[in-house]
Every structure is written in C-alpha cells, then in structure tokens.
Amino acid sequence: MSHFSLKVMFPLLVVLLVFVVGGVFFAATGLVTPFADATAPQAVADTLAAAPTDTSGVAQQQPLTPEQAQAVAAGETLFKGNCAQCHALNEVVVGPALNGLHKRRPVAWLIPWIKNSSKVVASGDEYAVKIFNQYQKQQMPSFALSEQEITSILTYLKAESGFAVVHAPSIALQ
C-alpha cells in the first residue's frame, strides 16, 4: 500500500471502529435497540395515512376526547409531583428518559414497577435487574398510587411522546 492510501484509510478505519464499538456499547446498555422494530416505518406511514390532512397534505393533530384530556391533565400533575425529580421525557436525570416508555414495557409490567420497583427487582425480573444495574443500583421510591393514577401518568407520557392517546382501561393484575 502506498503512503497516501494509509494516510486516508487509517483514519477512516478508526472512525468505523469507533462507531462499531459505540454501537455495541449503546446496544449493551439498552440505550439503543438495534433493529428493534422493523415495522416501525410502516406503522408511522400507516398512522400518517390515517390522520386527517389539510389541503397542503400536512397531518393535523386530532383533538383529545374529554376523558383523554382529563387523564392527560391528571397524569401531568401526578408526574410533576412524583416523577419529575428523577425523570424527564427526553433526557436521563437520575432515572431513564421516559419518551416512548409505552413501546418499551407493557402497562401490566409498568404498574407493579412504579408501585414498588424493589419488589420487581427482587423477583429476578431480567429487565428490572438490568435497569437497576444500569442506573448505579439507585432504588426508585415505592409509590402508593392507584392503578388509575399510574395509568394517568402513562397516558400523559404517551401523549407527550407524540403518540395518539388511547383511553386505557384498568388492568387487573394477578
């Protein structure tokens, strides 16, 4: 190889190596899930296709029903009073960012986690243990919130994440 090609190729290979190592690191920590949902682009396209549009073809936001608006408002109040000290929507504070939380874990898992994360970690739940270890074994406080209050918080987070809000019925846990 000529001296010129080494001067060009070496930095490119270093950059490639940094991206690969960074990608593996982020995937291992759960910050990025590679190839998590290959149907996501189609789901976005379907959502946009179903959304009402104005004459310019721009999708319009559909208004919330009164029940949805009430759940979002209640969830916002509860979030600010109980969760905002450690969580934000788009950035890590003490705990993880919560944007798109509804896509990461089902409501049936989130309710017991929010009520008492220590109990879920102690049960050996793989994802709970991973989150606990990822955030320096910082215990999330237990909350004496009802399932409806937690559902309101989750509805608020879903609305703030930019997704259509669907009224979630109470879920009976076994």
N, C-alpha and C. Protein backbone atom coordinates (compact mmCIF):
# COMPACT_ATOMS: atom_id res chain seq x y z
N MET A 1 0.84 -1.19 0.00
CA MET A 1 0.00 0.00 0.00
C MET A 1 0.88 1.24 0.00
N SER A 2 0.40 2.23 -0.66
CA SER A 2 1.17 3.47 -0.72
C SER A 2 0.97 4.26 0.57
N HIS A 3 1.86 5.18 0.78
CA HIS A 3 1.80 6.04 1.96
C HIS A 3 0.51 6.86 1.96
N PHE A 4 0.08 7.31 0.78
CA PHE A 4 -1.15 8.11 0.68
C PHE A 4 -2.37 7.30 1.11
N SER A 5 -2.49 6.06 0.65
CA SER A 5 -3.67 5.27 0.99
C SER A 5 -3.70 4.95 2.48
N LEU A 6 -2.54 4.80 3.11
CA LEU A 6 -2.52 4.59 4.56
C LEU A 6 -2.97 5.85 5.29
N LYS A 7 -2.57 7.02 4.80
CA LYS A 7 -2.98 8.28 5.43
C LYS A 7 -4.49 8.48 5.33
N VAL A 8 -5.10 7.97 4.29
CA VAL A 8 -6.54 8.13 4.09
C VAL A 8 -7.32 7.00 4.77
N MET A 9 -6.87 5.79 4.57
CA MET A 9 -7.62 4.62 5.05
C MET A 9 -7.57 4.46 6.57
N PHE A 10 -6.42 4.73 7.18
CA PHE A 10 -6.30 4.54 8.62
C PHE A 10 -7.31 5.37 9.41
N PRO A 11 -7.43 6.67 9.16
CA PRO A 11 -8.44 7.45 9.91
C PRO A 11 -9.87 6.95 9.65
N LEU A 12 -10.16 6.53 8.42
CA LEU A 12 -11.49 6.02 8.13
C LEU A 12 -11.76 4.73 8.89
N LEU A 13 -10.77 3.87 8.98
CA LEU A 13 -10.93 2.63 9.73
C LEU A 13 -11.09 2.90 11.22
N VAL A 14 -10.39 3.88 11.74
CA VAL A 14 -10.51 4.25 13.16
C VAL A 14 -11.93 4.76 13.43
N VAL A 15 -12.44 5.61 12.56
CA VAL A 15 -13.80 6.14 12.71
C VAL A 15 -14.81 5.00 12.67
N LEU A 16 -14.65 4.09 11.73
CA LEU A 16 -15.53 2.93 11.63
C LEU A 16 -15.48 2.10 12.91
N LEU A 17 -14.29 1.87 13.42
CA LEU A 17 -14.13 1.11 14.66
C LEU A 17 -14.82 1.80 15.82
N VAL A 18 -14.69 3.12 15.92
CA VAL A 18 -15.35 3.88 16.99
C VAL A 18 -16.87 3.72 16.89
N PHE A 19 -17.42 3.80 15.69
CA PHE A 19 -18.86 3.64 15.53
C PHE A 19 -19.31 2.23 15.90
N VAL A 20 -18.56 1.24 15.51
CA VAL A 20 -18.94 -0.14 15.84
C VAL A 20 -18.88 -0.36 17.35
N VAL A 21 -17.79 0.05 17.99
CA VAL A 21 -17.66 -0.12 19.44
C VAL A 21 -18.75 0.69 20.16
N GLY A 22 -18.99 1.91 19.71
CA GLY A 22 -20.06 2.72 20.31
C GLY A 22 -21.41 2.08 20.15
N GLY A 23 -21.70 1.53 18.97
CA GLY A 23 -22.97 0.85 18.75
C GLY A 23 -23.15 -0.35 19.64
N VAL A 24 -22.09 -1.14 19.79
CA VAL A 24 -22.14 -2.30 20.69
C VAL A 24 -22.36 -1.84 22.12
N PHE A 25 -21.66 -0.78 22.54
CA PHE A 25 -21.83 -0.26 23.90
C PHE A 25 -23.26 0.20 24.14
N PHE A 26 -23.80 1.01 23.22
CA PHE A 26 -25.16 1.50 23.41
C PHE A 26 -26.18 0.38 23.37
N ALA A 27 -25.97 -0.61 22.53
CA ALA A 27 -26.88 -1.76 22.48
C ALA A 27 -26.79 -2.55 23.78
N ALA A 28 -25.59 -2.72 24.31
CA ALA A 28 -25.41 -3.49 25.55
C ALA A 28 -26.03 -2.78 26.74
N THR A 29 -26.01 -1.45 26.76
CA THR A 29 -26.58 -0.72 27.88
C THR A 29 -28.09 -0.50 27.73
N GLY A 30 -28.62 -0.86 26.58
CA GLY A 30 -30.05 -0.71 26.36
C GLY A 30 -30.45 0.68 25.90
N LEU A 31 -29.49 1.55 25.66
CA LEU A 31 -29.82 2.90 25.21
C LEU A 31 -30.28 2.90 23.76
N VAL A 32 -29.85 1.91 22.99
CA VAL A 32 -30.27 1.75 21.61
C VAL A 32 -30.59 0.28 21.42
N THR A 33 -31.71 0.01 20.77
CA THR A 33 -32.05 -1.37 20.46
C THR A 33 -31.93 -1.54 18.96
N PRO A 34 -30.86 -2.16 18.51
CA PRO A 34 -30.67 -2.29 17.07
C PRO A 34 -31.73 -3.18 16.45
N PHE A 35 -32.28 -2.73 15.35
CA PHE A 35 -33.27 -3.49 14.60
C PHE A 35 -34.45 -3.91 15.46
N ALA A 36 -34.82 -3.05 16.43
CA ALA A 36 -35.85 -3.42 17.39
C ALA A 36 -37.20 -3.64 16.74
N ASP A 37 -37.56 -2.78 15.82
CA ASP A 37 -38.90 -2.88 15.25
C ASP A 37 -38.83 -2.53 13.78
N ALA A 38 -38.67 -3.55 12.98
CA ALA A 38 -38.56 -3.33 11.54
C ALA A 38 -39.85 -2.81 10.93
N THR A 39 -40.97 -2.94 11.67
CA THR A 39 -42.25 -2.48 11.14
C THR A 39 -42.52 -1.03 11.52
N ALA A 40 -41.65 -0.40 12.30
CA ALA A 40 -41.89 0.97 12.75
C ALA A 40 -42.11 1.95 11.60
N PRO A 41 -41.28 1.94 10.54
CA PRO A 41 -41.53 2.88 9.46
C PRO A 41 -42.90 2.67 8.83
N GLN A 42 -43.34 1.43 8.69
CA GLN A 42 -44.65 1.16 8.13
C GLN A 42 -45.74 1.65 9.09
N ALA A 43 -45.54 1.46 10.40
CA ALA A 43 -46.53 1.92 11.38
C ALA A 43 -46.67 3.44 11.33
N VAL A 44 -45.54 4.14 11.20
CA VAL A 44 -45.59 5.61 11.09
C VAL A 44 -46.32 6.00 9.81
N ALA A 45 -46.01 5.32 8.72
CA ALA A 45 -46.67 5.62 7.45
C ALA A 45 -48.17 5.36 7.55
N ASP A 46 -48.56 4.27 8.20
CA ASP A 46 -49.98 3.97 8.37
C ASP A 46 -50.67 5.03 9.22
N THR A 47 -50.00 5.46 10.29
CA THR A 47 -50.57 6.49 11.17
C THR A 47 -50.76 7.80 10.42
N LEU A 48 -49.72 8.17 9.66
CA LEU A 48 -49.83 9.42 8.90
C LEU A 48 -50.89 9.32 7.82
N ALA A 49 -51.00 8.16 7.19
CA ALA A 49 -52.00 7.99 6.15
C ALA A 49 -53.40 8.07 6.71
N ALA A 50 -53.58 7.60 7.95
CA ALA A 50 -54.90 7.60 8.58
C ALA A 50 -55.25 8.96 9.19
N ALA A 51 -54.26 9.81 9.41
CA ALA A 51 -54.51 11.10 10.04
C ALA A 51 -55.18 12.05 9.04
N PRO A 52 -56.13 12.83 9.55
CA PRO A 52 -56.75 13.81 8.66
C PRO A 52 -55.70 14.82 8.20
N THR A 53 -55.81 15.26 6.96
CA THR A 53 -54.86 16.23 6.44
C THR A 53 -55.59 17.47 5.95
N ASP A 54 -54.87 18.58 5.98
CA ASP A 54 -55.45 19.78 5.40
C ASP A 54 -55.12 19.78 3.90
N THR A 55 -55.42 20.85 3.21
CA THR A 55 -55.23 20.89 1.76
C THR A 55 -53.76 20.85 1.35
N SER A 56 -52.85 21.15 2.28
CA SER A 56 -51.42 21.10 1.95
C SER A 56 -50.85 19.70 2.14
N GLY A 57 -51.66 18.76 2.65
CA GLY A 57 -51.19 17.40 2.86
C GLY A 57 -50.50 17.20 4.20
N VAL A 58 -50.53 18.21 5.09
CA VAL A 58 -49.91 18.12 6.40
C VAL A 58 -50.90 17.49 7.37
N ALA A 59 -50.43 16.46 8.11
CA ALA A 59 -51.30 15.77 9.07
C ALA A 59 -51.68 16.73 10.20
N GLN A 60 -52.94 16.68 10.60
CA GLN A 60 -53.43 17.50 11.69
C GLN A 60 -53.53 16.65 12.94
N GLN A 61 -53.27 17.27 14.09
CA GLN A 61 -53.40 16.57 15.36
C GLN A 61 -54.88 16.45 15.70
N GLN A 62 -55.30 15.23 16.05
CA GLN A 62 -56.70 15.02 16.40
C GLN A 62 -56.92 15.46 17.84
N PRO A 63 -58.03 16.11 18.10
CA PRO A 63 -58.30 16.56 19.47
C PRO A 63 -58.57 15.36 20.38
N LEU A 64 -58.22 15.53 21.65
CA LEU A 64 -58.47 14.50 22.64
C LEU A 64 -59.93 14.52 23.05
N THR A 65 -60.44 13.37 23.42
CA THR A 65 -61.78 13.32 24.00
C THR A 65 -61.69 13.95 25.38
N PRO A 66 -62.81 14.36 25.97
CA PRO A 66 -62.75 14.93 27.33
C PRO A 66 -62.12 13.97 28.34
N GLU A 67 -62.39 12.67 28.21
CA GLU A 67 -61.82 11.69 29.14
C GLU A 67 -60.30 11.62 28.97
N GLN A 68 -59.85 11.64 27.72
CA GLN A 68 -58.41 11.58 27.45
C GLN A 68 -57.73 12.84 27.97
N ALA A 69 -58.34 14.00 27.73
CA ALA A 69 -57.76 15.26 28.19
C ALA A 69 -57.68 15.27 29.72
N GLN A 70 -58.70 14.75 30.37
CA GLN A 70 -58.71 14.69 31.84
C GLN A 70 -57.61 13.75 32.34
N ALA A 71 -57.44 12.59 31.69
CA ALA A 71 -56.40 11.63 32.08
C ALA A 71 -55.01 12.23 31.88
N VAL A 72 -54.82 12.94 30.77
CA VAL A 72 -53.52 13.56 30.50
C VAL A 72 -53.22 14.64 31.54
N ALA A 73 -54.21 15.48 31.85
CA ALA A 73 -54.02 16.54 32.85
C ALA A 73 -53.72 15.96 34.22
N ALA A 74 -54.47 14.92 34.61
CA ALA A 74 -54.23 14.28 35.90
C ALA A 74 -52.84 13.63 35.91
N GLY A 75 -52.48 13.00 34.80
CA GLY A 75 -51.17 12.36 34.70
C GLY A 75 -50.04 13.37 34.78
N GLU A 76 -50.22 14.52 34.16
CA GLU A 76 -49.19 15.56 34.23
C GLU A 76 -48.98 16.03 35.66
N THR A 77 -50.07 16.25 36.38
CA THR A 77 -49.98 16.68 37.77
C THR A 77 -49.27 15.62 38.62
N LEU A 78 -49.68 14.37 38.44
CA LEU A 78 -49.06 13.27 39.19
C LEU A 78 -47.59 13.11 38.83
N PHE A 79 -47.27 13.23 37.54
CA PHE A 79 -45.88 13.10 37.09
C PHE A 79 -45.02 14.18 37.73
N LYS A 80 -45.50 15.42 37.67
CA LYS A 80 -44.71 16.54 38.21
C LYS A 80 -44.54 16.41 39.73
N GLY A 81 -45.54 15.85 40.42
CA GLY A 81 -45.46 15.71 41.87
C GLY A 81 -44.70 14.48 42.35
N ASN A 82 -44.55 13.47 41.50
CA ASN A 82 -43.95 12.22 41.95
C ASN A 82 -42.73 11.77 41.15
N CYS A 83 -42.66 12.13 39.88
CA CYS A 83 -41.67 11.51 38.98
C CYS A 83 -40.62 12.48 38.45
N ALA A 84 -40.99 13.76 38.30
CA ALA A 84 -40.13 14.72 37.60
C ALA A 84 -38.82 15.01 38.32
N GLN A 85 -38.73 14.67 39.61
CA GLN A 85 -37.47 14.89 40.32
C GLN A 85 -36.37 13.98 39.76
N CYS A 86 -36.76 12.82 39.24
CA CYS A 86 -35.76 11.84 38.77
C CYS A 86 -35.88 11.51 37.28
N HIS A 87 -36.97 11.92 36.64
CA HIS A 87 -37.20 11.56 35.24
C HIS A 87 -37.59 12.77 34.42
N ALA A 88 -37.17 12.74 33.16
CA ALA A 88 -37.62 13.71 32.17
C ALA A 88 -38.04 12.92 30.94
N LEU A 89 -38.70 13.58 30.02
CA LEU A 89 -39.18 12.88 28.84
C LEU A 89 -38.02 12.50 27.91
N ASN A 90 -37.12 13.44 27.66
CA ASN A 90 -36.11 13.23 26.63
C ASN A 90 -34.67 13.19 27.13
N GLU A 91 -34.47 13.18 28.43
CA GLU A 91 -33.10 13.13 28.93
C GLU A 91 -33.04 12.33 30.22
N VAL A 92 -31.90 11.74 30.44
CA VAL A 92 -31.66 10.99 31.67
C VAL A 92 -31.41 12.00 32.78
N VAL A 93 -32.10 11.85 33.89
CA VAL A 93 -31.87 12.70 35.06
C VAL A 93 -31.18 11.78 36.08
N VAL A 94 -31.94 11.23 37.01
CA VAL A 94 -31.43 10.18 37.88
C VAL A 94 -31.80 8.83 37.27
N GLY A 95 -33.03 8.76 36.78
CA GLY A 95 -33.51 7.56 36.10
C GLY A 95 -33.60 7.80 34.61
N PRO A 96 -34.06 6.79 33.88
CA PRO A 96 -34.07 6.89 32.41
C PRO A 96 -35.07 7.92 31.88
N ALA A 97 -34.80 8.38 30.66
CA ALA A 97 -35.75 9.23 29.94
C ALA A 97 -36.98 8.38 29.63
N LEU A 98 -38.16 8.99 29.66
CA LEU A 98 -39.40 8.22 29.56
C LEU A 98 -40.11 8.37 28.22
N ASN A 99 -39.51 9.06 27.26
CA ASN A 99 -40.12 9.18 25.94
C ASN A 99 -40.27 7.79 25.32
N GLY A 100 -41.46 7.46 24.88
CA GLY A 100 -41.71 6.17 24.24
C GLY A 100 -41.75 5.01 25.21
N LEU A 101 -41.94 5.28 26.49
CA LEU A 101 -41.97 4.22 27.51
C LEU A 101 -42.99 3.14 27.17
N HIS A 102 -44.12 3.55 26.64
CA HIS A 102 -45.19 2.60 26.31
C HIS A 102 -44.77 1.59 25.25
N LYS A 103 -43.71 1.90 24.50
CA LYS A 103 -43.21 0.97 23.50
C LYS A 103 -42.18 0.00 24.08
N ARG A 104 -41.62 0.36 25.23
CA ARG A 104 -40.57 -0.47 25.84
C ARG A 104 -41.12 -1.55 26.77
N ARG A 105 -42.15 -1.21 27.53
CA ARG A 105 -42.69 -2.16 28.51
C ARG A 105 -44.21 -2.06 28.50
N PRO A 106 -44.89 -3.20 28.71
CA PRO A 106 -46.36 -3.17 28.76
C PRO A 106 -46.86 -2.56 30.07
N VAL A 107 -48.07 -2.07 30.03
CA VAL A 107 -48.68 -1.46 31.22
C VAL A 107 -48.72 -2.46 32.37
N ALA A 108 -49.00 -3.72 32.06
CA ALA A 108 -49.07 -4.76 33.10
C ALA A 108 -47.73 -4.92 33.82
N TRP A 109 -46.63 -4.57 33.19
CA TRP A 109 -45.32 -4.61 33.85
C TRP A 109 -45.04 -3.29 34.55
N LEU A 110 -45.44 -2.17 33.94
CA LEU A 110 -45.13 -0.85 34.48
C LEU A 110 -45.85 -0.56 35.80
N ILE A 111 -47.08 -1.02 35.93
CA ILE A 111 -47.83 -0.71 37.16
C ILE A 111 -47.11 -1.27 38.39
N PRO A 112 -46.77 -2.56 38.44
CA PRO A 112 -46.04 -3.04 39.62
C PRO A 112 -44.66 -2.39 39.77
N TRP A 113 -44.01 -2.09 38.65
CA TRP A 113 -42.69 -1.43 38.70
C TRP A 113 -42.81 -0.07 39.36
N ILE A 114 -43.81 0.71 38.98
CA ILE A 114 -43.97 2.06 39.54
C ILE A 114 -44.40 1.97 41.01
N LYS A 115 -45.25 1.01 41.32
CA LYS A 115 -45.69 0.86 42.72
C LYS A 115 -44.53 0.47 43.63
N ASN A 116 -43.69 -0.48 43.19
CA ASN A 116 -42.61 -0.97 44.04
C ASN A 116 -41.54 -1.63 43.18
N SER A 117 -40.63 -0.83 42.66
CA SER A 117 -39.60 -1.36 41.76
C SER A 117 -38.68 -2.33 42.49
N SER A 118 -38.44 -2.12 43.77
CA SER A 118 -37.56 -3.02 44.53
C SER A 118 -38.10 -4.44 44.54
N LYS A 119 -39.40 -4.56 44.65
CA LYS A 119 -40.05 -5.87 44.66
C LYS A 119 -39.88 -6.56 43.30
N VAL A 120 -40.01 -5.79 42.22
CA VAL A 120 -39.85 -6.35 40.88
C VAL A 120 -38.40 -6.77 40.66
N VAL A 121 -37.45 -5.96 41.12
CA VAL A 121 -36.03 -6.32 41.02
C VAL A 121 -35.76 -7.58 41.83
N ALA A 122 -36.28 -7.62 43.06
CA ALA A 122 -36.06 -8.78 43.94
C ALA A 122 -36.67 -10.06 43.36
N SER A 123 -37.70 -9.92 42.53
CA SER A 123 -38.32 -11.10 41.92
C SER A 123 -37.42 -11.72 40.86
N GLY A 124 -36.36 -11.00 40.47
CA GLY A 124 -35.43 -11.51 39.47
C GLY A 124 -35.81 -11.16 38.04
N ASP A 125 -36.83 -10.31 37.87
CA ASP A 125 -37.21 -9.89 36.52
C ASP A 125 -35.99 -9.36 35.78
N GLU A 126 -35.70 -9.97 34.63
CA GLU A 126 -34.47 -9.66 33.89
C GLU A 126 -34.36 -8.19 33.52
N TYR A 127 -35.44 -7.61 32.99
CA TYR A 127 -35.40 -6.21 32.57
C TYR A 127 -35.27 -5.29 33.78
N ALA A 128 -35.96 -5.60 34.86
CA ALA A 128 -35.90 -4.78 36.08
C ALA A 128 -34.48 -4.77 36.64
N VAL A 129 -33.85 -5.93 36.68
CA VAL A 129 -32.48 -6.03 37.19
C VAL A 129 -31.53 -5.24 36.29
N LYS A 130 -31.75 -5.32 34.97
CA LYS A 130 -30.91 -4.59 34.02
C LYS A 130 -31.01 -3.08 34.26
N ILE A 131 -32.23 -2.58 34.41
CA ILE A 131 -32.43 -1.14 34.66
C ILE A 131 -31.81 -0.74 35.99
N PHE A 132 -32.02 -1.54 37.02
CA PHE A 132 -31.47 -1.28 38.35
C PHE A 132 -29.94 -1.16 38.27
N ASN A 133 -29.30 -2.10 37.60
CA ASN A 133 -27.84 -2.09 37.48
C ASN A 133 -27.36 -0.95 36.58
N GLN A 134 -28.11 -0.67 35.53
CA GLN A 134 -27.71 0.37 34.59
C GLN A 134 -27.68 1.75 35.24
N TYR A 135 -28.54 1.98 36.22
CA TYR A 135 -28.62 3.29 36.88
C TYR A 135 -28.00 3.23 38.27
N GLN A 136 -26.82 2.62 38.34
CA GLN A 136 -25.98 2.57 39.55
C GLN A 136 -26.73 2.04 40.78
N LYS A 137 -27.59 1.08 40.57
CA LYS A 137 -28.34 0.42 41.64
C LYS A 137 -29.11 1.43 42.51
N GLN A 138 -29.56 2.50 41.85
CA GLN A 138 -30.35 3.53 42.50
C GLN A 138 -31.79 3.03 42.63
N GLN A 139 -32.30 2.94 43.85
CA GLN A 139 -33.66 2.46 44.07
C GLN A 139 -34.67 3.55 43.73
N MET A 140 -35.67 3.19 42.94
CA MET A 140 -36.77 4.10 42.70
C MET A 140 -37.70 3.99 43.92
N PRO A 141 -38.13 5.11 44.47
CA PRO A 141 -39.02 5.02 45.64
C PRO A 141 -40.32 4.29 45.29
N SER A 142 -40.89 3.63 46.28
CA SER A 142 -42.20 2.99 46.09
C SER A 142 -43.26 4.08 46.17
N PHE A 143 -44.31 3.92 45.37
CA PHE A 143 -45.37 4.92 45.33
C PHE A 143 -46.69 4.27 45.70
N ALA A 144 -47.46 4.96 46.53
CA ALA A 144 -48.78 4.48 46.92
C ALA A 144 -49.82 5.06 45.96
N LEU A 145 -49.59 4.84 44.67
CA LEU A 145 -50.51 5.33 43.65
C LEU A 145 -51.45 4.21 43.24
N SER A 146 -52.67 4.57 42.91
CA SER A 146 -53.62 3.57 42.42
C SER A 146 -53.27 3.21 40.97
N GLU A 147 -53.84 2.11 40.50
CA GLU A 147 -53.62 1.73 39.10
C GLU A 147 -54.13 2.82 38.17
N GLN A 148 -55.24 3.46 38.53
CA GLN A 148 -55.79 4.52 37.69
C GLN A 148 -54.84 5.73 37.65
N GLU A 149 -54.23 6.07 38.78
CA GLU A 149 -53.28 7.18 38.81
C GLU A 149 -52.05 6.86 37.96
N ILE A 150 -51.56 5.64 38.07
CA ILE A 150 -50.40 5.24 37.27
C ILE A 150 -50.77 5.25 35.79
N THR A 151 -51.96 4.76 35.47
CA THR A 151 -52.42 4.77 34.09
C THR A 151 -52.51 6.21 33.57
N SER A 152 -52.93 7.13 34.42
CA SER A 152 -52.97 8.55 34.02
C SER A 152 -51.57 9.08 33.72
N ILE A 153 -50.60 8.71 34.55
CA ILE A 153 -49.22 9.12 34.30
C ILE A 153 -48.74 8.55 32.96
N LEU A 154 -49.04 7.27 32.73
CA LEU A 154 -48.62 6.63 31.49
C LEU A 154 -49.32 7.26 30.28
N THR A 155 -50.58 7.65 30.45
CA THR A 155 -51.31 8.33 29.37
C THR A 155 -50.66 9.68 29.08
N TYR A 156 -50.28 10.41 30.12
CA TYR A 156 -49.59 11.68 29.95
C TYR A 156 -48.27 11.48 29.21
N LEU A 157 -47.49 10.49 29.62
CA LEU A 157 -46.20 10.23 28.97
C LEU A 157 -46.39 9.86 27.51
N LYS A 158 -47.42 9.07 27.23
CA LYS A 158 -47.69 8.67 25.85
C LYS A 158 -48.07 9.90 25.01
N ALA A 159 -48.90 10.75 25.57
CA ALA A 159 -49.31 11.97 24.86
C ALA A 159 -48.10 12.88 24.63
N GLU A 160 -47.25 13.02 25.63
CA GLU A 160 -46.07 13.87 25.50
C GLU A 160 -45.04 13.26 24.55
N SER A 161 -45.09 11.95 24.38
CA SER A 161 -44.17 11.29 23.47
C SER A 161 -44.58 11.49 22.02
N GLY A 162 -45.74 12.14 21.80
CA GLY A 162 -46.17 12.44 20.45
C GLY A 162 -46.99 11.34 19.80
N PHE A 163 -47.56 10.47 20.60
CA PHE A 163 -48.36 9.39 20.07
C PHE A 163 -49.82 9.63 20.41
N ALA A 164 -50.69 9.06 19.60
CA ALA A 164 -52.12 9.19 19.85
C ALA A 164 -52.44 8.55 21.19
N VAL A 165 -53.27 9.22 21.95
CA VAL A 165 -53.64 8.72 23.26
C VAL A 165 -54.87 7.85 23.12
N VAL A 166 -54.80 6.68 23.69
CA VAL A 166 -55.93 5.78 23.69
C VAL A 166 -56.31 5.57 25.13
N HIS A 167 -57.57 5.73 25.46
CA HIS A 167 -58.00 5.55 26.83
C HIS A 167 -57.71 4.13 27.27
N ALA A 168 -56.92 3.97 28.31
CA ALA A 168 -56.52 2.65 28.78
C ALA A 168 -57.42 2.23 29.93
N PRO A 169 -58.13 1.11 29.80
CA PRO A 169 -58.95 0.64 30.91
C PRO A 169 -58.07 0.12 32.03
N SER A 170 -58.64 0.02 33.20
CA SER A 170 -57.91 -0.53 34.33
C SER A 170 -57.49 -1.95 34.03
N ILE A 171 -56.31 -2.31 34.44
CA ILE A 171 -55.80 -3.65 34.19
C ILE A 171 -55.73 -4.40 35.51
N ALA A 172 -56.36 -5.55 35.58
CA ALA A 172 -56.30 -6.36 36.79
C ALA A 172 -55.02 -7.16 36.78
N LEU A 173 -54.25 -7.03 37.84
CA LEU A 173 -53.00 -7.78 37.96
C LEU A 173 -53.24 -9.02 38.78
N GLN A 174 -52.54 -10.07 38.43
CA GLN A 174 -52.73 -11.33 39.17
C GLN A 174 -51.58 -11.58 40.08
